[in-house]
């Protein structure tokens, strides 16, 4: 299979599974889930309850940053349940060939210094934010200069670079966590490591709204057309 799109539905408070409005040839559509009863006309269900992992957020992170576990496709797009495919993704899969990886810029927050405080209301302990500042001090990185990406949409190529990139993110998430679970935000470590270790001109900035509708979680309300 040349291209693959992966989404995921986990836990009791399940995101809606949104059917693609356009289905591309040479593209496989996989939904990773812990629900054996979930069905779809377009998504192929892959049952992976990950019973050894207690945190739902950690399960999602393992899918986002290790999609190669589920497919050997040449190009792999991982998207969360807030997104609905509205156009052919073939132009996106073609464009990624000129880059190392594809990421989506944050819609509202332009840098990591702006983004981090907003995670307190989502349950991120201040101690974890302090870890970021300690880390930045050691690495001599100004968090206001770290471009903020979102983790809802990641486009990989089946390369050693992309595989090691995902492993690197998971390693930092474990380091920044509490010893039992990883840090609850994946986009903040993602943004930090992109700034620290990777060239921005090798990253495709995905135009989310060109290819997708984005919804409020668990609703039919389109957040931004």
N, C-alpha and C. Protein backbone atom coordinates (compact mmCIF):
# COMPACT_ATOMS: atom_id res chain seq x y z
N UNK A 1 0.85 -1.20 0.00
CA UNK A 1 0.00 0.00 0.00
C UNK A 1 0.88 1.24 0.00
N UNK A 2 0.66 2.15 -0.93
CA UNK A 2 1.51 3.32 -1.05
C UNK A 2 1.25 4.34 0.05
N UNK A 3 -0.02 4.64 0.30
CA UNK A 3 -0.37 5.65 1.30
C UNK A 3 -1.28 5.05 2.37
N UNK A 4 -1.21 5.61 3.56
CA UNK A 4 -2.07 5.15 4.65
C UNK A 4 -2.49 6.34 5.50
N UNK A 5 -3.76 6.37 5.89
CA UNK A 5 -4.28 7.35 6.83
C UNK A 5 -4.67 6.59 8.10
N UNK A 6 -4.21 7.07 9.25
CA UNK A 6 -4.50 6.43 10.53
C UNK A 6 -5.23 7.40 11.44
N UNK A 7 -6.32 6.95 12.02
CA UNK A 7 -6.98 7.68 13.09
C UNK A 7 -7.15 6.73 14.26
N UNK A 8 -7.77 7.19 15.36
CA UNK A 8 -7.83 6.35 16.56
C UNK A 8 -9.05 6.74 17.40
N UNK A 9 -9.66 5.74 18.00
CA UNK A 9 -10.80 5.93 18.91
C UNK A 9 -10.53 5.07 20.14
N UNK A 10 -10.36 5.71 21.30
CA UNK A 10 -10.04 4.98 22.52
C UNK A 10 -10.88 5.46 23.69
N UNK A 11 -11.14 4.55 24.62
CA UNK A 11 -11.74 4.93 25.89
C UNK A 11 -13.25 5.02 25.87
N UNK A 12 -13.81 5.34 27.02
CA UNK A 12 -15.26 5.41 27.17
C UNK A 12 -15.84 6.69 26.59
N UNK A 13 -15.08 7.78 26.64
CA UNK A 13 -15.55 9.06 26.08
C UNK A 13 -15.02 9.16 24.65
N UNK A 14 -15.60 8.37 23.76
CA UNK A 14 -15.03 8.18 22.43
C UNK A 14 -15.32 9.35 21.50
N UNK A 15 -14.30 9.72 20.74
CA UNK A 15 -14.47 10.70 19.68
C UNK A 15 -15.35 10.10 18.60
N UNK A 16 -16.05 10.94 17.86
CA UNK A 16 -16.82 10.47 16.72
C UNK A 16 -15.87 9.97 15.63
N UNK A 17 -16.24 8.89 14.97
CA UNK A 17 -15.47 8.40 13.84
C UNK A 17 -16.05 9.02 12.58
N UNK A 18 -15.31 9.91 11.96
CA UNK A 18 -15.82 10.69 10.84
C UNK A 18 -15.40 10.03 9.52
N UNK A 19 -16.38 9.69 8.70
CA UNK A 19 -16.10 9.02 7.43
C UNK A 19 -15.50 10.02 6.43
N UNK A 20 -14.45 9.62 5.71
CA UNK A 20 -13.88 10.51 4.69
C UNK A 20 -14.90 10.86 3.61
N UNK A 21 -14.91 12.11 3.20
CA UNK A 21 -15.79 12.53 2.11
C UNK A 21 -15.20 12.14 0.75
N UNK A 22 -13.89 11.90 0.72
CA UNK A 22 -13.21 11.47 -0.50
C UNK A 22 -12.30 10.29 -0.15
N UNK A 23 -12.37 9.24 -0.95
CA UNK A 23 -11.52 8.07 -0.79
C UNK A 23 -10.54 8.01 -1.95
N UNK A 24 -9.26 7.98 -1.65
CA UNK A 24 -8.24 7.95 -2.70
C UNK A 24 -7.81 6.52 -3.02
N UNK A 25 -7.46 6.30 -4.27
CA UNK A 25 -6.88 5.02 -4.67
C UNK A 25 -5.49 4.88 -4.06
N UNK A 26 -5.05 3.65 -3.91
CA UNK A 26 -3.73 3.35 -3.34
C UNK A 26 -3.56 3.92 -1.94
N UNK A 27 -4.66 4.08 -1.23
CA UNK A 27 -4.62 4.61 0.13
C UNK A 27 -5.44 3.71 1.05
N UNK A 28 -4.85 3.34 2.16
CA UNK A 28 -5.51 2.52 3.17
C UNK A 28 -5.94 3.42 4.32
N UNK A 29 -7.12 3.16 4.88
CA UNK A 29 -7.65 3.95 5.98
C UNK A 29 -7.81 3.04 7.20
N UNK A 30 -7.02 3.31 8.24
CA UNK A 30 -7.01 2.47 9.43
C UNK A 30 -7.51 3.24 10.64
N UNK A 31 -8.34 2.61 11.45
CA UNK A 31 -8.75 3.17 12.74
C UNK A 31 -8.27 2.23 13.83
N UNK A 32 -7.37 2.73 14.67
CA UNK A 32 -6.85 1.94 15.79
C UNK A 32 -7.79 2.15 16.97
N UNK A 33 -8.24 1.08 17.58
CA UNK A 33 -9.27 1.21 18.61
C UNK A 33 -9.18 0.09 19.64
N UNK A 34 -9.83 0.33 20.79
CA UNK A 34 -9.98 -0.71 21.80
C UNK A 34 -11.42 -1.23 21.83
N UNK A 35 -12.23 -0.79 20.86
CA UNK A 35 -13.64 -1.15 20.81
C UNK A 35 -13.87 -2.21 19.72
N UNK A 36 -14.12 -3.46 20.10
CA UNK A 36 -14.31 -4.53 19.11
C UNK A 36 -15.61 -4.40 18.32
N UNK A 37 -16.50 -3.51 18.75
CA UNK A 37 -17.79 -3.36 18.08
C UNK A 37 -17.84 -2.17 17.13
N UNK A 38 -16.78 -1.41 17.07
CA UNK A 38 -16.76 -0.23 16.20
C UNK A 38 -16.74 -0.67 14.73
N UNK A 39 -17.58 -0.02 13.91
CA UNK A 39 -17.68 -0.37 12.50
C UNK A 39 -17.64 0.87 11.62
N UNK A 40 -17.24 0.66 10.37
CA UNK A 40 -17.16 1.77 9.42
C UNK A 40 -17.23 1.23 8.01
N UNK A 41 -17.72 2.07 7.10
CA UNK A 41 -17.76 1.69 5.68
C UNK A 41 -16.42 1.91 5.00
N UNK A 42 -15.58 2.76 5.60
CA UNK A 42 -14.33 3.14 4.93
C UNK A 42 -13.08 2.86 5.75
N UNK A 43 -13.20 2.95 7.07
CA UNK A 43 -12.05 2.70 7.93
C UNK A 43 -11.94 1.21 8.24
N UNK A 44 -10.75 0.67 8.09
CA UNK A 44 -10.48 -0.71 8.51
C UNK A 44 -10.12 -0.69 10.00
N UNK A 45 -10.84 -1.45 10.79
CA UNK A 45 -10.62 -1.45 12.23
C UNK A 45 -9.41 -2.31 12.60
N UNK A 46 -8.55 -1.75 13.43
CA UNK A 46 -7.41 -2.47 13.97
C UNK A 46 -7.55 -2.47 15.48
N UNK A 47 -7.85 -3.61 16.05
CA UNK A 47 -8.07 -3.71 17.49
C UNK A 47 -6.74 -3.82 18.21
N UNK A 48 -6.45 -2.83 19.05
CA UNK A 48 -5.22 -2.81 19.83
C UNK A 48 -5.51 -2.13 21.16
N UNK A 49 -6.01 -2.89 22.14
CA UNK A 49 -6.41 -2.27 23.42
C UNK A 49 -5.25 -1.76 24.26
N UNK A 50 -4.02 -2.20 23.97
CA UNK A 50 -2.83 -1.76 24.72
C UNK A 50 -3.08 -1.85 26.22
N UNK A 51 -3.45 -3.02 26.69
CA UNK A 51 -3.82 -3.22 28.09
C UNK A 51 -2.69 -2.91 29.07
N UNK A 52 -1.46 -2.96 28.58
CA UNK A 52 -0.32 -2.68 29.45
C UNK A 52 -0.14 -1.20 29.73
N UNK A 53 -0.91 -0.34 29.01
CA UNK A 53 -0.81 1.11 29.18
C UNK A 53 -2.11 1.61 29.80
N UNK A 54 -2.02 2.27 30.94
CA UNK A 54 -3.22 2.71 31.66
C UNK A 54 -3.77 4.04 31.15
N UNK A 55 -2.90 4.93 30.71
CA UNK A 55 -3.31 6.28 30.31
C UNK A 55 -3.80 6.29 28.86
N UNK A 56 -5.00 6.85 28.65
CA UNK A 56 -5.52 6.98 27.28
C UNK A 56 -4.64 7.91 26.45
N UNK A 57 -4.15 8.96 27.09
CA UNK A 57 -3.28 9.89 26.38
C UNK A 57 -1.99 9.21 25.92
N UNK A 58 -1.47 8.33 26.76
CA UNK A 58 -0.26 7.60 26.40
C UNK A 58 -0.52 6.67 25.22
N UNK A 59 -1.68 6.02 25.21
CA UNK A 59 -2.02 5.14 24.10
C UNK A 59 -2.05 5.91 22.79
N UNK A 60 -2.68 7.08 22.83
CA UNK A 60 -2.75 7.92 21.64
C UNK A 60 -1.36 8.35 21.19
N UNK A 61 -0.51 8.70 22.15
CA UNK A 61 0.84 9.13 21.81
C UNK A 61 1.62 8.01 21.12
N UNK A 62 1.46 6.78 21.60
CA UNK A 62 2.16 5.65 20.98
C UNK A 62 1.71 5.43 19.55
N UNK A 63 0.44 5.71 19.27
CA UNK A 63 -0.04 5.59 17.89
C UNK A 63 0.51 6.74 17.04
N UNK A 64 0.43 7.95 17.56
CA UNK A 64 0.88 9.12 16.81
C UNK A 64 2.35 9.03 16.41
N UNK A 65 3.17 8.53 17.33
CA UNK A 65 4.61 8.58 17.11
C UNK A 65 5.23 7.22 16.78
N UNK A 66 4.37 6.22 16.61
CA UNK A 66 4.86 4.93 16.09
C UNK A 66 3.81 4.33 15.17
N UNK A 67 3.41 5.04 14.13
CA UNK A 67 2.40 4.51 13.20
C UNK A 67 2.93 3.34 12.38
N UNK A 68 4.25 3.18 12.35
CA UNK A 68 4.88 2.11 11.57
C UNK A 68 4.57 0.73 12.15
N UNK A 69 4.04 0.71 13.35
CA UNK A 69 3.60 -0.55 13.96
C UNK A 69 2.41 -1.13 13.20
N UNK A 70 1.64 -0.25 12.54
CA UNK A 70 0.37 -0.66 11.94
C UNK A 70 0.39 -0.75 10.42
N UNK A 71 1.41 -0.21 9.80
CA UNK A 71 1.44 -0.22 8.34
C UNK A 71 2.88 -0.09 7.84
N UNK A 72 3.12 -0.60 6.63
CA UNK A 72 4.42 -0.41 5.99
C UNK A 72 4.27 0.47 4.75
N UNK A 73 3.22 1.30 4.74
CA UNK A 73 2.98 2.20 3.61
C UNK A 73 4.14 3.16 3.43
N UNK A 74 4.27 3.69 2.23
CA UNK A 74 5.35 4.64 1.93
C UNK A 74 5.12 5.98 2.64
N UNK A 75 3.86 6.40 2.71
CA UNK A 75 3.50 7.67 3.34
C UNK A 75 2.37 7.40 4.33
N UNK A 76 2.47 7.99 5.52
CA UNK A 76 1.49 7.72 6.57
C UNK A 76 1.03 9.04 7.19
N UNK A 77 -0.26 9.29 7.12
CA UNK A 77 -0.82 10.47 7.76
C UNK A 77 -1.60 10.03 9.00
N UNK A 78 -1.26 10.61 10.15
CA UNK A 78 -1.95 10.32 11.40
C UNK A 78 -2.80 11.53 11.77
N UNK A 79 -4.09 11.31 11.98
CA UNK A 79 -5.00 12.41 12.27
C UNK A 79 -5.92 12.02 13.42
N UNK A 80 -6.32 13.01 14.23
CA UNK A 80 -7.20 12.68 15.34
C UNK A 80 -8.67 12.82 14.92
N UNK A 81 -9.57 12.48 15.86
CA UNK A 81 -10.97 12.38 15.54
C UNK A 81 -11.68 13.70 15.34
N UNK A 82 -11.02 14.82 15.57
CA UNK A 82 -11.66 16.12 15.30
C UNK A 82 -11.63 16.45 13.81
N UNK A 83 -10.85 15.70 13.05
CA UNK A 83 -10.65 16.03 11.64
C UNK A 83 -11.47 15.12 10.73
N UNK A 84 -11.98 15.72 9.67
CA UNK A 84 -12.74 15.00 8.66
C UNK A 84 -12.12 15.30 7.29
N UNK A 85 -11.76 14.26 6.58
CA UNK A 85 -11.16 14.44 5.25
C UNK A 85 -12.23 14.94 4.29
N UNK A 86 -11.98 16.09 3.66
CA UNK A 86 -12.97 16.66 2.75
C UNK A 86 -12.51 16.71 1.30
N UNK A 87 -11.21 16.49 1.06
CA UNK A 87 -10.67 16.50 -0.30
C UNK A 87 -9.67 15.37 -0.46
N UNK A 88 -9.31 15.10 -1.68
CA UNK A 88 -8.27 14.11 -1.94
C UNK A 88 -6.98 14.51 -1.24
N UNK A 89 -6.34 13.52 -0.62
CA UNK A 89 -5.07 13.77 0.07
C UNK A 89 -3.86 13.50 -0.82
N UNK A 90 -4.10 13.09 -2.06
CA UNK A 90 -2.98 12.76 -2.94
C UNK A 90 -2.01 13.92 -3.14
N UNK A 91 -2.51 15.17 -3.30
CA UNK A 91 -1.55 16.28 -3.41
C UNK A 91 -0.66 16.42 -2.18
N UNK A 92 -1.21 16.14 -1.01
CA UNK A 92 -0.44 16.21 0.22
C UNK A 92 0.62 15.12 0.26
N UNK A 93 0.26 13.92 -0.14
CA UNK A 93 1.22 12.82 -0.18
C UNK A 93 2.32 13.06 -1.22
N UNK A 94 1.97 13.75 -2.29
CA UNK A 94 2.98 14.09 -3.29
C UNK A 94 3.92 15.17 -2.77
N UNK A 95 3.36 16.16 -2.09
CA UNK A 95 4.16 17.29 -1.61
C UNK A 95 5.16 16.87 -0.54
N UNK A 96 4.82 15.89 0.28
CA UNK A 96 5.70 15.49 1.38
C UNK A 96 7.01 14.92 0.86
N UNK A 97 7.06 14.51 -0.41
CA UNK A 97 8.28 13.92 -0.95
C UNK A 97 9.45 14.91 -0.95
N UNK A 98 9.14 16.20 -0.87
CA UNK A 98 10.18 17.24 -0.86
C UNK A 98 10.61 17.63 0.54
N UNK A 99 10.06 16.96 1.56
CA UNK A 99 10.34 17.31 2.95
C UNK A 99 10.65 16.06 3.76
N UNK A 100 11.11 16.29 5.00
CA UNK A 100 11.37 15.18 5.91
C UNK A 100 10.10 14.68 6.57
N UNK A 101 9.23 15.62 6.95
CA UNK A 101 8.02 15.29 7.69
C UNK A 101 7.03 16.44 7.54
N UNK A 102 5.73 16.16 7.75
CA UNK A 102 4.71 17.20 7.64
C UNK A 102 4.05 17.44 8.99
N UNK A 103 3.92 18.72 9.37
CA UNK A 103 3.32 19.09 10.65
C UNK A 103 2.37 20.27 10.44
N UNK A 104 1.49 20.47 11.42
CA UNK A 104 0.53 21.56 11.34
C UNK A 104 0.87 22.62 12.37
N UNK A 105 0.98 23.86 11.95
CA UNK A 105 1.20 24.96 12.88
C UNK A 105 0.00 25.13 13.80
N UNK A 106 0.25 25.56 15.02
CA UNK A 106 -0.84 25.80 15.97
C UNK A 106 -1.71 26.94 15.46
N UNK A 107 -3.02 26.78 15.64
CA UNK A 107 -3.96 27.76 15.09
C UNK A 107 -3.89 29.11 15.79
N UNK A 108 -3.66 29.10 17.13
CA UNK A 108 -3.73 30.34 17.89
C UNK A 108 -2.42 30.75 18.55
N UNK A 109 -1.66 29.79 19.04
CA UNK A 109 -0.44 30.10 19.78
C UNK A 109 0.78 29.91 18.87
N UNK A 110 1.58 30.94 18.79
CA UNK A 110 2.67 30.93 17.83
C UNK A 110 3.96 30.34 18.39
N UNK A 111 4.07 30.27 19.72
CA UNK A 111 5.31 29.75 20.29
C UNK A 111 5.02 28.97 21.57
N UNK A 112 6.02 28.23 22.02
CA UNK A 112 5.84 27.33 23.15
C UNK A 112 5.64 28.08 24.46
N UNK A 113 6.23 29.25 24.60
CA UNK A 113 6.04 30.04 25.81
C UNK A 113 4.57 30.42 25.98
N UNK A 114 3.89 30.74 24.88
CA UNK A 114 2.47 31.06 24.92
C UNK A 114 1.62 29.83 25.21
N UNK A 115 2.02 28.69 24.66
CA UNK A 115 1.19 27.49 24.72
C UNK A 115 1.22 26.80 26.08
N UNK A 116 2.38 26.71 26.70
CA UNK A 116 2.53 25.92 27.93
C UNK A 116 1.53 26.28 29.03
N UNK A 117 1.33 27.56 29.36
CA UNK A 117 0.39 27.88 30.46
C UNK A 117 -1.03 27.41 30.21
N UNK A 118 -1.42 27.27 28.95
CA UNK A 118 -2.79 26.85 28.65
C UNK A 118 -3.03 25.39 29.01
N UNK A 119 -1.96 24.63 29.23
CA UNK A 119 -2.12 23.22 29.59
C UNK A 119 -2.40 23.03 31.08
N UNK A 120 -2.23 24.07 31.87
CA UNK A 120 -2.54 23.96 33.30
C UNK A 120 -4.02 23.64 33.49
N UNK A 121 -4.89 24.31 32.71
CA UNK A 121 -6.33 24.06 32.82
C UNK A 121 -6.70 22.67 32.33
N UNK A 122 -5.81 22.02 31.59
CA UNK A 122 -6.07 20.66 31.10
C UNK A 122 -5.45 19.60 32.00
N UNK A 123 -4.85 20.06 33.10
CA UNK A 123 -4.32 19.10 34.06
C UNK A 123 -2.82 18.96 34.09
N UNK A 124 -2.10 19.80 33.34
CA UNK A 124 -0.64 19.71 33.35
C UNK A 124 -0.10 20.33 34.63
N UNK A 125 0.60 19.56 35.46
CA UNK A 125 1.14 20.12 36.70
C UNK A 125 2.18 21.21 36.42
N UNK A 126 2.23 22.20 37.30
CA UNK A 126 3.21 23.27 37.12
C UNK A 126 4.64 22.73 37.19
N UNK A 127 4.80 21.60 37.89
CA UNK A 127 6.13 20.98 37.96
C UNK A 127 6.61 20.54 36.58
N UNK A 128 5.69 20.12 35.74
CA UNK A 128 6.07 19.69 34.40
C UNK A 128 6.46 20.90 33.53
N UNK A 129 5.76 22.00 33.75
CA UNK A 129 6.13 23.22 33.03
C UNK A 129 7.52 23.69 33.49
N UNK A 130 7.79 23.55 34.77
CA UNK A 130 9.10 23.91 35.31
C UNK A 130 10.19 23.06 34.66
N UNK A 131 9.88 21.78 34.37
CA UNK A 131 10.84 20.91 33.68
C UNK A 131 11.19 21.47 32.31
N UNK A 132 10.18 21.99 31.62
CA UNK A 132 10.43 22.59 30.31
C UNK A 132 11.39 23.76 30.44
N UNK A 133 11.16 24.61 31.41
CA UNK A 133 12.02 25.79 31.58
C UNK A 133 13.44 25.39 31.98
N UNK A 134 13.55 24.36 32.81
CA UNK A 134 14.88 23.85 33.15
C UNK A 134 15.60 23.32 31.93
N UNK A 135 14.88 22.54 31.15
CA UNK A 135 15.43 21.95 29.94
C UNK A 135 15.87 23.03 28.96
N UNK A 136 15.05 24.05 28.80
CA UNK A 136 15.36 25.14 27.88
C UNK A 136 16.59 25.91 28.34
N UNK A 137 16.72 26.07 29.66
CA UNK A 137 17.88 26.77 30.20
C UNK A 137 19.16 25.99 29.90
N UNK A 138 19.12 24.69 30.09
CA UNK A 138 20.29 23.84 29.81
C UNK A 138 20.63 23.87 28.33
N UNK A 139 19.59 23.83 27.47
CA UNK A 139 19.81 23.82 26.02
C UNK A 139 20.00 25.21 25.42
N UNK A 140 19.91 26.24 26.29
CA UNK A 140 20.04 27.62 25.84
C UNK A 140 19.01 27.95 24.76
N UNK A 141 17.77 27.59 25.05
CA UNK A 141 16.66 27.82 24.11
C UNK A 141 15.65 28.79 24.73
N UNK A 142 15.29 29.80 23.97
CA UNK A 142 14.27 30.76 24.36
C UNK A 142 12.92 30.20 23.92
N UNK A 143 12.04 29.86 24.87
CA UNK A 143 10.77 29.23 24.52
C UNK A 143 9.88 30.13 23.66
N UNK A 144 10.09 31.42 23.73
CA UNK A 144 9.31 32.33 22.89
C UNK A 144 9.74 32.24 21.42
N UNK A 145 10.86 31.58 21.16
CA UNK A 145 11.36 31.40 19.79
C UNK A 145 11.03 30.02 19.24
N UNK A 146 10.40 29.19 20.05
CA UNK A 146 10.07 27.82 19.63
C UNK A 146 8.70 27.82 18.95
N UNK A 147 8.66 27.60 17.67
CA UNK A 147 7.41 27.56 16.91
C UNK A 147 6.51 26.45 17.44
N UNK A 148 5.24 26.77 17.66
CA UNK A 148 4.32 25.78 18.23
C UNK A 148 3.55 25.04 17.13
N UNK A 149 3.67 23.72 17.16
CA UNK A 149 2.91 22.85 16.26
C UNK A 149 1.83 22.14 17.06
N UNK A 150 0.83 21.62 16.35
CA UNK A 150 -0.20 20.80 16.98
C UNK A 150 0.07 19.33 16.68
N UNK A 151 -0.45 18.46 17.54
CA UNK A 151 -0.21 17.03 17.35
C UNK A 151 -1.38 16.31 16.71
N UNK A 152 -2.39 17.06 16.25
CA UNK A 152 -3.58 16.43 15.69
C UNK A 152 -3.37 15.92 14.28
N UNK A 153 -2.28 16.30 13.64
CA UNK A 153 -2.07 15.98 12.23
C UNK A 153 -0.57 15.87 11.97
N UNK A 154 -0.11 14.66 11.65
CA UNK A 154 1.32 14.43 11.39
C UNK A 154 1.44 13.58 10.14
N UNK A 155 2.29 13.99 9.21
CA UNK A 155 2.49 13.26 7.96
C UNK A 155 3.92 12.73 7.90
N UNK A 156 4.03 11.41 7.89
CA UNK A 156 5.32 10.75 7.88
C UNK A 156 5.62 10.16 6.50
N UNK A 157 6.92 10.00 6.23
CA UNK A 157 7.38 9.11 5.19
C UNK A 157 7.98 7.88 5.88
N UNK A 158 7.99 6.77 5.17
CA UNK A 158 8.53 5.55 5.76
C UNK A 158 10.05 5.57 5.63
N UNK A 159 10.67 6.37 6.51
CA UNK A 159 12.12 6.57 6.47
C UNK A 159 12.69 6.37 7.87
N UNK A 160 13.99 6.14 7.92
CA UNK A 160 14.66 6.03 9.22
C UNK A 160 14.54 7.32 10.01
N UNK A 161 14.57 8.45 9.31
CA UNK A 161 14.43 9.73 9.99
C UNK A 161 13.10 9.81 10.74
N UNK A 162 12.00 9.50 10.04
CA UNK A 162 10.68 9.61 10.67
C UNK A 162 10.52 8.63 11.82
N UNK A 163 11.07 7.44 11.69
CA UNK A 163 10.98 6.46 12.77
C UNK A 163 11.75 6.94 14.00
N UNK A 164 12.95 7.46 13.79
CA UNK A 164 13.73 7.95 14.93
C UNK A 164 13.12 9.22 15.51
N UNK A 165 12.48 10.03 14.66
CA UNK A 165 11.80 11.25 15.12
C UNK A 165 10.71 10.89 16.12
N UNK A 166 9.89 9.89 15.78
CA UNK A 166 8.83 9.48 16.67
C UNK A 166 9.36 8.90 17.97
N UNK A 167 10.41 8.11 17.89
CA UNK A 167 11.02 7.54 19.09
C UNK A 167 11.57 8.64 19.99
N UNK A 168 12.13 9.66 19.38
CA UNK A 168 12.68 10.79 20.12
C UNK A 168 11.58 11.53 20.90
N UNK A 169 10.44 11.74 20.27
CA UNK A 169 9.33 12.42 20.94
C UNK A 169 8.86 11.61 22.14
N UNK A 170 8.69 10.31 21.97
CA UNK A 170 8.23 9.45 23.07
C UNK A 170 9.22 9.44 24.22
N UNK A 171 10.51 9.47 23.91
CA UNK A 171 11.53 9.51 24.96
C UNK A 171 11.41 10.78 25.80
N UNK A 172 11.21 11.90 25.14
CA UNK A 172 11.07 13.17 25.86
C UNK A 172 9.76 13.21 26.64
N UNK A 173 8.71 12.63 26.09
CA UNK A 173 7.44 12.61 26.80
C UNK A 173 7.54 11.81 28.10
N UNK A 174 8.30 10.74 28.05
CA UNK A 174 8.51 9.94 29.27
C UNK A 174 9.35 10.73 30.28
N UNK A 175 10.39 11.40 29.80
CA UNK A 175 11.25 12.18 30.68
C UNK A 175 10.48 13.31 31.36
N UNK A 176 9.57 13.93 30.61
CA UNK A 176 8.82 15.08 31.12
C UNK A 176 7.58 14.67 31.91
N UNK A 177 7.30 13.37 31.97
CA UNK A 177 6.14 12.87 32.69
C UNK A 177 6.39 12.73 34.17
N UNK A 178 5.54 11.93 34.82
CA UNK A 178 5.62 11.80 36.28
C UNK A 178 6.23 10.49 36.75
N UNK A 179 6.82 9.75 35.83
CA UNK A 179 7.43 8.47 36.19
C UNK A 179 6.53 7.29 35.90
N UNK A 180 5.22 7.52 36.00
CA UNK A 180 4.25 6.47 35.70
C UNK A 180 3.68 6.65 34.30
N UNK A 181 3.20 7.86 34.03
CA UNK A 181 2.65 8.20 32.71
C UNK A 181 3.49 9.28 32.06
N UNK A 182 3.37 9.37 30.75
CA UNK A 182 4.07 10.42 30.02
C UNK A 182 3.38 11.76 30.26
N UNK A 183 4.06 12.82 29.92
CA UNK A 183 3.47 14.15 30.01
C UNK A 183 2.20 14.18 29.17
N UNK A 184 1.17 14.91 29.63
CA UNK A 184 -0.14 14.82 28.98
C UNK A 184 -0.20 15.57 27.64
N UNK A 185 0.73 16.46 27.39
CA UNK A 185 0.77 17.14 26.11
C UNK A 185 1.84 16.52 25.22
N UNK A 186 1.49 16.19 24.00
CA UNK A 186 2.51 15.70 23.07
C UNK A 186 2.99 16.79 22.13
N UNK A 187 2.16 17.83 21.92
CA UNK A 187 2.56 18.86 20.96
C UNK A 187 3.64 19.78 21.51
N UNK A 188 3.72 19.90 22.85
CA UNK A 188 4.76 20.76 23.42
C UNK A 188 6.15 20.11 23.30
N UNK A 189 6.33 18.83 23.67
CA UNK A 189 7.62 18.18 23.40
C UNK A 189 7.93 18.12 21.91
N UNK A 190 6.91 17.88 21.09
CA UNK A 190 7.09 17.86 19.65
C UNK A 190 7.68 19.17 19.16
N UNK A 191 7.09 20.28 19.56
CA UNK A 191 7.55 21.61 19.11
C UNK A 191 8.96 21.88 19.61
N UNK A 192 9.23 21.50 20.85
CA UNK A 192 10.54 21.74 21.43
C UNK A 192 11.62 21.00 20.65
N UNK A 193 11.37 19.75 20.34
CA UNK A 193 12.39 18.94 19.66
C UNK A 193 12.57 19.33 18.21
N UNK A 194 11.50 19.77 17.56
CA UNK A 194 11.65 20.28 16.20
C UNK A 194 12.58 21.48 16.20
N UNK A 195 12.37 22.38 17.15
CA UNK A 195 13.23 23.57 17.25
C UNK A 195 14.67 23.19 17.57
N UNK A 196 14.84 22.24 18.46
CA UNK A 196 16.18 21.90 18.94
C UNK A 196 17.00 21.13 17.91
N UNK A 197 16.37 20.19 17.22
CA UNK A 197 17.14 19.21 16.46
C UNK A 197 16.88 19.18 14.96
N UNK A 198 15.88 19.90 14.46
CA UNK A 198 15.51 19.72 13.06
C UNK A 198 15.38 21.05 12.33
N UNK A 199 15.70 21.02 11.04
CA UNK A 199 15.67 22.23 10.23
C UNK A 199 14.24 22.53 9.78
N UNK A 200 13.82 23.76 10.01
CA UNK A 200 12.43 24.12 9.72
C UNK A 200 12.12 24.05 8.22
N UNK A 201 13.13 24.26 7.38
CA UNK A 201 12.86 24.24 5.94
C UNK A 201 12.66 22.82 5.41
N UNK A 202 12.89 21.82 6.25
CA UNK A 202 12.66 20.43 5.85
C UNK A 202 11.33 19.91 6.38
N UNK A 203 10.53 20.81 6.96
CA UNK A 203 9.23 20.43 7.52
C UNK A 203 8.12 21.04 6.66
N UNK A 204 7.25 20.19 6.14
CA UNK A 204 6.10 20.66 5.38
C UNK A 204 5.06 21.21 6.35
N UNK A 205 4.69 22.49 6.18
CA UNK A 205 3.65 23.09 7.01
C UNK A 205 2.30 22.77 6.37
N UNK A 206 1.57 21.85 6.96
CA UNK A 206 0.32 21.36 6.38
C UNK A 206 -0.78 22.42 6.51
N UNK A 207 -1.44 22.69 5.41
CA UNK A 207 -2.60 23.58 5.41
C UNK A 207 -3.82 22.73 5.79
N UNK A 208 -4.14 22.71 7.06
CA UNK A 208 -5.19 21.84 7.56
C UNK A 208 -6.53 22.07 6.86
N UNK A 209 -6.94 23.32 6.72
CA UNK A 209 -8.28 23.62 6.25
C UNK A 209 -8.44 23.47 4.74
N UNK A 210 -7.35 23.23 4.05
CA UNK A 210 -7.42 22.93 2.62
C UNK A 210 -7.93 21.51 2.40
N UNK A 211 -7.59 20.62 3.32
CA UNK A 211 -7.90 19.20 3.14
C UNK A 211 -8.90 18.64 4.15
N UNK A 212 -9.14 19.36 5.25
CA UNK A 212 -9.93 18.80 6.34
C UNK A 212 -10.95 19.81 6.87
N UNK A 213 -12.07 19.29 7.38
CA UNK A 213 -12.93 20.03 8.29
C UNK A 213 -12.46 19.69 9.69
N UNK A 214 -12.48 20.68 10.58
CA UNK A 214 -12.12 20.41 11.96
C UNK A 214 -13.31 20.71 12.86
N UNK A 215 -13.62 19.75 13.73
CA UNK A 215 -14.79 19.83 14.59
C UNK A 215 -14.38 20.01 16.05
N UNK A 216 -15.31 20.54 16.83
CA UNK A 216 -15.19 20.48 18.28
C UNK A 216 -15.23 19.02 18.68
N UNK A 217 -14.44 18.61 19.67
CA UNK A 217 -14.42 17.22 20.10
C UNK A 217 -15.83 16.71 20.38
N UNK A 218 -16.11 15.49 19.87
CA UNK A 218 -17.37 14.79 20.15
C UNK A 218 -18.62 15.60 19.76
N UNK A 219 -18.54 16.36 18.68
CA UNK A 219 -19.69 17.14 18.26
C UNK A 219 -19.76 17.20 16.74
N UNK A 220 -20.86 17.76 16.23
CA UNK A 220 -21.02 17.98 14.79
C UNK A 220 -20.80 19.43 14.41
N UNK A 221 -20.21 20.20 15.33
CA UNK A 221 -20.00 21.63 15.08
C UNK A 221 -18.61 21.83 14.48
N UNK A 222 -18.56 22.36 13.27
CA UNK A 222 -17.27 22.64 12.63
C UNK A 222 -16.65 23.84 13.29
N UNK A 223 -15.47 23.63 13.85
CA UNK A 223 -14.79 24.65 14.64
C UNK A 223 -14.26 25.77 13.76
N UNK A 224 -13.73 25.42 12.61
CA UNK A 224 -13.16 26.44 11.72
C UNK A 224 -13.20 25.91 10.30
N UNK A 225 -13.93 26.56 9.45
CA UNK A 225 -14.01 26.14 8.04
C UNK A 225 -12.83 26.66 7.25
